[in-house]
């Protein structure tokens, strides 16, 4: 099984499920790429529509795998919250988040009159 880089007996069931999800995601993304190229290259409009439909199905499957990973691997949840559905330049999002966290930490030492508990 070439998807494993460590001895199978060293991996628990959660590790194996993570591998399954990651491999499925990889396969779905590859399929999106293949369908997109084929739809773009064909001169047959009907075939292009079929291939584009198939591509959209693969995108759905990839999103489902990503959601499973988000629910089962905390780092995925954290990173997806940083990058998805944002408007700032993608390469600046991590820095912006760190600045926000730093700002929140600086403010945590101040007296909050509204909350005296």
N, C-alpha and C. Protein backbone atom coordinates (compact mmCIF):
# COMPACT_ATOMS: atom_id res chain seq x y z
N UNK A 1 0.85 -1.18 0.00
CA UNK A 1 0.00 0.00 0.00
C UNK A 1 0.89 1.24 0.00
N UNK A 2 1.02 1.84 -1.13
CA UNK A 2 1.97 2.93 -1.28
C UNK A 2 1.50 4.25 -0.69
N UNK A 3 0.27 4.33 -0.18
CA UNK A 3 -0.16 5.57 0.46
C UNK A 3 0.36 5.71 1.88
N UNK A 4 0.91 4.63 2.41
CA UNK A 4 1.44 4.66 3.77
C UNK A 4 2.96 4.82 3.73
N UNK A 5 3.46 5.71 4.55
CA UNK A 5 4.90 5.95 4.62
C UNK A 5 5.49 5.40 5.90
N UNK A 6 4.65 4.92 6.76
CA UNK A 6 5.06 4.30 8.02
C UNK A 6 4.48 2.90 8.06
N UNK A 7 5.07 2.02 8.86
CA UNK A 7 4.52 0.66 8.96
C UNK A 7 3.06 0.71 9.40
N UNK A 8 2.23 -0.04 8.71
CA UNK A 8 0.79 -0.04 8.97
C UNK A 8 0.47 -0.38 10.42
N UNK A 9 1.25 -1.26 11.01
CA UNK A 9 0.98 -1.66 12.39
C UNK A 9 1.27 -0.54 13.39
N UNK A 10 1.99 0.51 12.95
CA UNK A 10 2.27 1.64 13.83
C UNK A 10 1.16 2.69 13.80
N UNK A 11 0.18 2.51 12.94
CA UNK A 11 -0.89 3.50 12.79
C UNK A 11 -2.17 2.99 13.45
N UNK A 12 -2.84 3.88 14.17
CA UNK A 12 -4.13 3.49 14.75
C UNK A 12 -5.24 3.72 13.72
N UNK A 13 -6.46 3.39 14.09
CA UNK A 13 -7.59 3.50 13.16
C UNK A 13 -7.84 4.95 12.74
N UNK A 14 -7.65 5.91 13.64
CA UNK A 14 -7.83 7.32 13.28
C UNK A 14 -6.80 7.72 12.22
N UNK A 15 -5.56 7.28 12.40
CA UNK A 15 -4.52 7.57 11.40
C UNK A 15 -4.92 7.00 10.04
N UNK A 16 -5.40 5.78 10.04
CA UNK A 16 -5.79 5.13 8.78
C UNK A 16 -6.97 5.86 8.13
N UNK A 17 -7.93 6.29 8.93
CA UNK A 17 -9.05 7.05 8.38
C UNK A 17 -8.58 8.39 7.81
N UNK A 18 -7.64 9.03 8.48
CA UNK A 18 -7.09 10.28 7.95
C UNK A 18 -6.43 10.05 6.60
N UNK A 19 -5.68 8.96 6.48
CA UNK A 19 -5.05 8.62 5.20
C UNK A 19 -6.12 8.40 4.15
N UNK A 20 -7.16 7.67 4.50
CA UNK A 20 -8.24 7.42 3.54
C UNK A 20 -8.86 8.72 3.05
N UNK A 21 -9.12 9.63 3.96
CA UNK A 21 -9.73 10.91 3.58
C UNK A 21 -8.78 11.74 2.72
N UNK A 22 -7.52 11.78 3.11
CA UNK A 22 -6.54 12.56 2.36
C UNK A 22 -6.32 11.99 0.96
N UNK A 23 -6.26 10.68 0.85
CA UNK A 23 -6.10 10.05 -0.46
C UNK A 23 -7.34 10.30 -1.33
N UNK A 24 -8.51 10.22 -0.71
CA UNK A 24 -9.74 10.50 -1.46
C UNK A 24 -9.76 11.95 -1.95
N UNK A 25 -9.35 12.87 -1.10
CA UNK A 25 -9.29 14.27 -1.50
C UNK A 25 -8.33 14.44 -2.67
N UNK A 26 -7.18 13.83 -2.58
CA UNK A 26 -6.19 13.90 -3.68
C UNK A 26 -6.80 13.38 -4.98
N UNK A 27 -7.48 12.24 -4.91
CA UNK A 27 -8.09 11.65 -6.11
C UNK A 27 -9.18 12.54 -6.68
N UNK A 28 -9.98 13.14 -5.81
CA UNK A 28 -11.06 14.01 -6.29
C UNK A 28 -10.49 15.25 -6.98
N UNK A 29 -9.46 15.83 -6.41
CA UNK A 29 -8.84 17.03 -7.01
C UNK A 29 -8.21 16.66 -8.35
N UNK A 30 -7.57 15.51 -8.42
CA UNK A 30 -7.02 15.06 -9.71
C UNK A 30 -8.12 14.91 -10.75
N UNK A 31 -9.26 14.34 -10.33
CA UNK A 31 -10.38 14.15 -11.26
C UNK A 31 -10.93 15.50 -11.74
N UNK A 32 -11.00 16.48 -10.84
CA UNK A 32 -11.43 17.82 -11.25
C UNK A 32 -10.51 18.34 -12.36
N UNK A 33 -9.22 18.19 -12.16
CA UNK A 33 -8.24 18.64 -13.14
C UNK A 33 -8.46 17.95 -14.49
N UNK A 34 -8.63 16.64 -14.46
CA UNK A 34 -8.81 15.89 -15.71
C UNK A 34 -10.08 16.32 -16.44
N UNK A 35 -11.19 16.41 -15.71
CA UNK A 35 -12.45 16.80 -16.35
C UNK A 35 -12.37 18.22 -16.89
N UNK A 36 -11.74 19.11 -16.15
CA UNK A 36 -11.65 20.50 -16.62
C UNK A 36 -10.86 20.57 -17.91
N UNK A 37 -9.74 19.87 -17.98
CA UNK A 37 -8.94 19.88 -19.21
C UNK A 37 -9.71 19.30 -20.39
N UNK A 38 -10.39 18.19 -20.15
CA UNK A 38 -11.13 17.53 -21.22
C UNK A 38 -12.29 18.40 -21.71
N UNK A 39 -13.00 19.02 -20.78
CA UNK A 39 -14.11 19.90 -21.16
C UNK A 39 -13.61 21.09 -21.95
N UNK A 40 -12.46 21.61 -21.56
CA UNK A 40 -11.89 22.76 -22.24
C UNK A 40 -11.37 22.39 -23.64
N UNK A 41 -10.86 21.19 -23.79
CA UNK A 41 -10.22 20.80 -25.05
C UNK A 41 -11.20 20.31 -26.11
N UNK A 42 -12.34 19.75 -25.71
CA UNK A 42 -13.23 19.17 -26.70
C UNK A 42 -13.92 20.25 -27.53
N UNK A 43 -14.17 19.90 -28.78
CA UNK A 43 -14.91 20.80 -29.67
C UNK A 43 -16.41 20.47 -29.66
N UNK A 44 -16.77 19.34 -29.03
CA UNK A 44 -18.15 18.90 -28.96
C UNK A 44 -18.82 19.55 -27.75
N UNK A 45 -19.77 20.43 -28.00
CA UNK A 45 -20.43 21.19 -26.94
C UNK A 45 -21.17 20.29 -25.95
N UNK A 46 -21.82 19.25 -26.46
CA UNK A 46 -22.55 18.34 -25.57
C UNK A 46 -21.59 17.58 -24.66
N UNK A 47 -20.49 17.12 -25.21
CA UNK A 47 -19.50 16.42 -24.40
C UNK A 47 -18.91 17.37 -23.36
N UNK A 48 -18.66 18.61 -23.75
CA UNK A 48 -18.12 19.60 -22.80
C UNK A 48 -19.08 19.78 -21.63
N UNK A 49 -20.37 19.81 -21.89
CA UNK A 49 -21.36 19.95 -20.81
C UNK A 49 -21.34 18.74 -19.88
N UNK A 50 -21.24 17.55 -20.44
CA UNK A 50 -21.17 16.33 -19.63
C UNK A 50 -19.93 16.36 -18.76
N UNK A 51 -18.80 16.69 -19.36
CA UNK A 51 -17.54 16.72 -18.61
C UNK A 51 -17.55 17.80 -17.54
N UNK A 52 -18.14 18.94 -17.82
CA UNK A 52 -18.23 20.01 -16.82
C UNK A 52 -19.13 19.57 -15.67
N UNK A 53 -20.21 18.86 -16.00
CA UNK A 53 -21.08 18.33 -14.95
C UNK A 53 -20.31 17.35 -14.07
N UNK A 54 -19.56 16.46 -14.70
CA UNK A 54 -18.76 15.49 -13.94
C UNK A 54 -17.74 16.20 -13.07
N UNK A 55 -17.13 17.25 -13.59
CA UNK A 55 -16.16 18.03 -12.82
C UNK A 55 -16.82 18.61 -11.57
N UNK A 56 -18.01 19.16 -11.73
CA UNK A 56 -18.72 19.74 -10.59
C UNK A 56 -19.02 18.68 -9.53
N UNK A 57 -19.33 17.46 -9.96
CA UNK A 57 -19.57 16.37 -9.01
C UNK A 57 -18.29 16.06 -8.22
N UNK A 58 -17.17 16.07 -8.90
CA UNK A 58 -15.89 15.80 -8.22
C UNK A 58 -15.56 16.92 -7.23
N UNK A 59 -15.90 18.15 -7.57
CA UNK A 59 -15.70 19.26 -6.63
C UNK A 59 -16.54 19.04 -5.38
N UNK A 60 -17.79 18.60 -5.58
CA UNK A 60 -18.65 18.29 -4.43
C UNK A 60 -18.00 17.23 -3.55
N UNK A 61 -17.48 16.19 -4.15
CA UNK A 61 -16.85 15.11 -3.39
C UNK A 61 -15.61 15.62 -2.65
N UNK A 62 -14.82 16.47 -3.30
CA UNK A 62 -13.64 17.03 -2.64
C UNK A 62 -14.05 17.87 -1.44
N UNK A 63 -15.11 18.66 -1.58
CA UNK A 63 -15.58 19.48 -0.47
C UNK A 63 -16.06 18.62 0.69
N UNK A 64 -16.70 17.51 0.39
CA UNK A 64 -17.15 16.61 1.45
C UNK A 64 -15.95 16.03 2.19
N UNK A 65 -14.90 15.68 1.47
CA UNK A 65 -13.69 15.15 2.12
C UNK A 65 -13.04 16.22 2.98
N UNK A 66 -13.00 17.45 2.48
CA UNK A 66 -12.43 18.55 3.26
C UNK A 66 -13.22 18.76 4.55
N UNK A 67 -14.54 18.70 4.45
CA UNK A 67 -15.35 18.87 5.65
C UNK A 67 -15.10 17.75 6.65
N UNK A 68 -14.94 16.53 6.18
CA UNK A 68 -14.62 15.42 7.09
C UNK A 68 -13.28 15.70 7.78
N UNK A 69 -12.30 16.14 7.00
CA UNK A 69 -10.99 16.45 7.58
C UNK A 69 -11.11 17.58 8.61
N UNK A 70 -11.93 18.59 8.30
CA UNK A 70 -12.12 19.70 9.24
C UNK A 70 -12.69 19.20 10.56
N UNK A 71 -13.60 18.28 10.49
CA UNK A 71 -14.24 17.76 11.70
C UNK A 71 -13.35 16.80 12.49
N UNK A 72 -12.36 16.22 11.83
CA UNK A 72 -11.60 15.14 12.46
C UNK A 72 -10.12 15.45 12.68
N UNK A 73 -9.63 16.52 12.12
CA UNK A 73 -8.23 16.92 12.30
C UNK A 73 -8.22 18.40 12.67
N UNK A 74 -7.99 18.74 13.93
CA UNK A 74 -8.09 20.13 14.39
C UNK A 74 -7.30 21.14 13.56
N UNK A 75 -6.17 20.78 13.05
CA UNK A 75 -5.39 21.74 12.26
C UNK A 75 -6.13 22.15 10.99
N UNK A 76 -6.88 21.22 10.40
CA UNK A 76 -7.68 21.58 9.23
C UNK A 76 -8.73 22.63 9.61
N UNK A 77 -9.38 22.42 10.74
CA UNK A 77 -10.40 23.37 11.19
C UNK A 77 -9.79 24.75 11.36
N UNK A 78 -8.67 24.81 12.03
CA UNK A 78 -8.02 26.09 12.29
C UNK A 78 -7.62 26.80 10.99
N UNK A 79 -6.99 26.08 10.08
CA UNK A 79 -6.53 26.70 8.84
C UNK A 79 -7.69 27.10 7.93
N UNK A 80 -8.71 26.27 7.86
CA UNK A 80 -9.86 26.61 7.03
C UNK A 80 -10.55 27.87 7.54
N UNK A 81 -10.62 28.02 8.86
CA UNK A 81 -11.22 29.23 9.43
C UNK A 81 -10.40 30.47 9.04
N UNK A 82 -9.12 30.30 8.87
CA UNK A 82 -8.26 31.43 8.48
C UNK A 82 -8.46 31.80 7.02
N UNK A 83 -8.51 30.82 6.15
CA UNK A 83 -8.41 31.09 4.72
C UNK A 83 -9.72 31.10 3.94
N UNK A 84 -10.70 30.33 4.35
CA UNK A 84 -11.93 30.24 3.56
C UNK A 84 -12.84 31.44 3.77
N UNK A 85 -13.51 31.81 2.73
CA UNK A 85 -14.53 32.87 2.73
C UNK A 85 -13.99 34.20 3.23
N UNK A 86 -12.76 34.48 2.88
CA UNK A 86 -12.13 35.74 3.26
C UNK A 86 -12.02 36.63 2.04
N UNK A 87 -11.78 37.89 2.27
CA UNK A 87 -11.65 38.85 1.17
C UNK A 87 -10.25 39.44 1.06
N UNK A 88 -9.49 39.36 2.13
CA UNK A 88 -8.13 39.91 2.12
C UNK A 88 -7.25 39.06 1.19
N UNK A 89 -6.14 39.62 0.73
CA UNK A 89 -5.23 38.82 -0.10
C UNK A 89 -4.82 37.54 0.65
N UNK A 90 -4.89 36.43 -0.04
CA UNK A 90 -4.68 35.13 0.59
C UNK A 90 -3.33 35.05 1.30
N UNK A 91 -2.30 35.61 0.69
CA UNK A 91 -0.97 35.50 1.28
C UNK A 91 -0.79 36.38 2.50
N UNK A 92 -1.76 37.23 2.79
CA UNK A 92 -1.67 38.11 3.96
C UNK A 92 -2.57 37.67 5.11
N UNK A 93 -3.39 36.66 4.89
CA UNK A 93 -4.38 36.27 5.90
C UNK A 93 -3.74 35.78 7.19
N UNK A 94 -2.69 34.99 7.10
CA UNK A 94 -2.05 34.47 8.30
C UNK A 94 -1.49 35.61 9.14
N UNK A 95 -0.85 36.55 8.49
CA UNK A 95 -0.29 37.71 9.20
C UNK A 95 -1.40 38.54 9.83
N UNK A 96 -2.49 38.75 9.11
CA UNK A 96 -3.61 39.52 9.65
C UNK A 96 -4.20 38.84 10.87
N UNK A 97 -4.32 37.51 10.82
CA UNK A 97 -4.85 36.78 11.96
C UNK A 97 -3.92 36.90 13.17
N UNK A 98 -2.63 36.81 12.93
CA UNK A 98 -1.67 36.94 14.02
C UNK A 98 -1.74 38.33 14.64
N UNK A 99 -1.92 39.35 13.82
CA UNK A 99 -2.05 40.72 14.33
C UNK A 99 -3.30 40.85 15.19
N UNK A 100 -4.40 40.24 14.74
CA UNK A 100 -5.64 40.29 15.52
C UNK A 100 -5.46 39.58 16.86
N UNK A 101 -4.82 38.42 16.86
CA UNK A 101 -4.59 37.69 18.10
C UNK A 101 -3.71 38.49 19.05
N UNK A 102 -2.69 39.13 18.50
CA UNK A 102 -1.79 39.94 19.31
C UNK A 102 -2.54 41.12 19.92
N UNK A 103 -3.39 41.74 19.13
CA UNK A 103 -4.19 42.87 19.61
C UNK A 103 -5.14 42.43 20.71
N UNK A 104 -5.74 41.26 20.56
CA UNK A 104 -6.64 40.74 21.58
C UNK A 104 -5.90 40.43 22.87
N UNK A 105 -4.69 39.89 22.75
CA UNK A 105 -3.88 39.56 23.93
C UNK A 105 -3.47 40.83 24.68
N UNK A 106 -3.13 41.87 23.93
CA UNK A 106 -2.75 43.14 24.56
C UNK A 106 -3.91 43.73 25.33
N UNK A 107 -5.10 43.57 24.79
CA UNK A 107 -6.29 44.13 25.44
C UNK A 107 -6.77 43.30 26.61
N UNK A 108 -6.30 42.07 26.75
CA UNK A 108 -6.81 41.21 27.80
C UNK A 108 -6.38 41.64 29.20
N UNK A 109 -5.34 42.43 29.31
CA UNK A 109 -4.87 42.87 30.62
C UNK A 109 -5.57 44.12 31.12
N UNK A 110 -6.40 44.72 30.29
CA UNK A 110 -7.07 45.94 30.68
C UNK A 110 -8.30 45.63 31.51
N UNK A 111 -8.67 46.54 32.39
CA UNK A 111 -9.85 46.40 33.22
C UNK A 111 -11.09 46.59 32.35
N UNK A 112 -11.96 45.63 32.40
CA UNK A 112 -13.21 45.70 31.65
C UNK A 112 -14.31 46.07 32.64
N UNK A 113 -14.71 47.33 32.63
CA UNK A 113 -15.67 47.85 33.61
C UNK A 113 -17.01 47.13 33.49
N UNK A 114 -17.36 46.70 32.27
CA UNK A 114 -18.64 46.03 32.09
C UNK A 114 -18.66 44.63 32.65
N UNK A 115 -17.53 44.07 32.95
CA UNK A 115 -17.47 42.71 33.45
C UNK A 115 -16.53 42.66 34.65
N UNK A 116 -17.06 42.78 35.84
CA UNK A 116 -16.24 42.82 37.04
C UNK A 116 -16.05 41.45 37.68
N UNK A 117 -16.45 40.39 37.03
CA UNK A 117 -16.28 39.04 37.58
C UNK A 117 -14.85 38.57 37.48
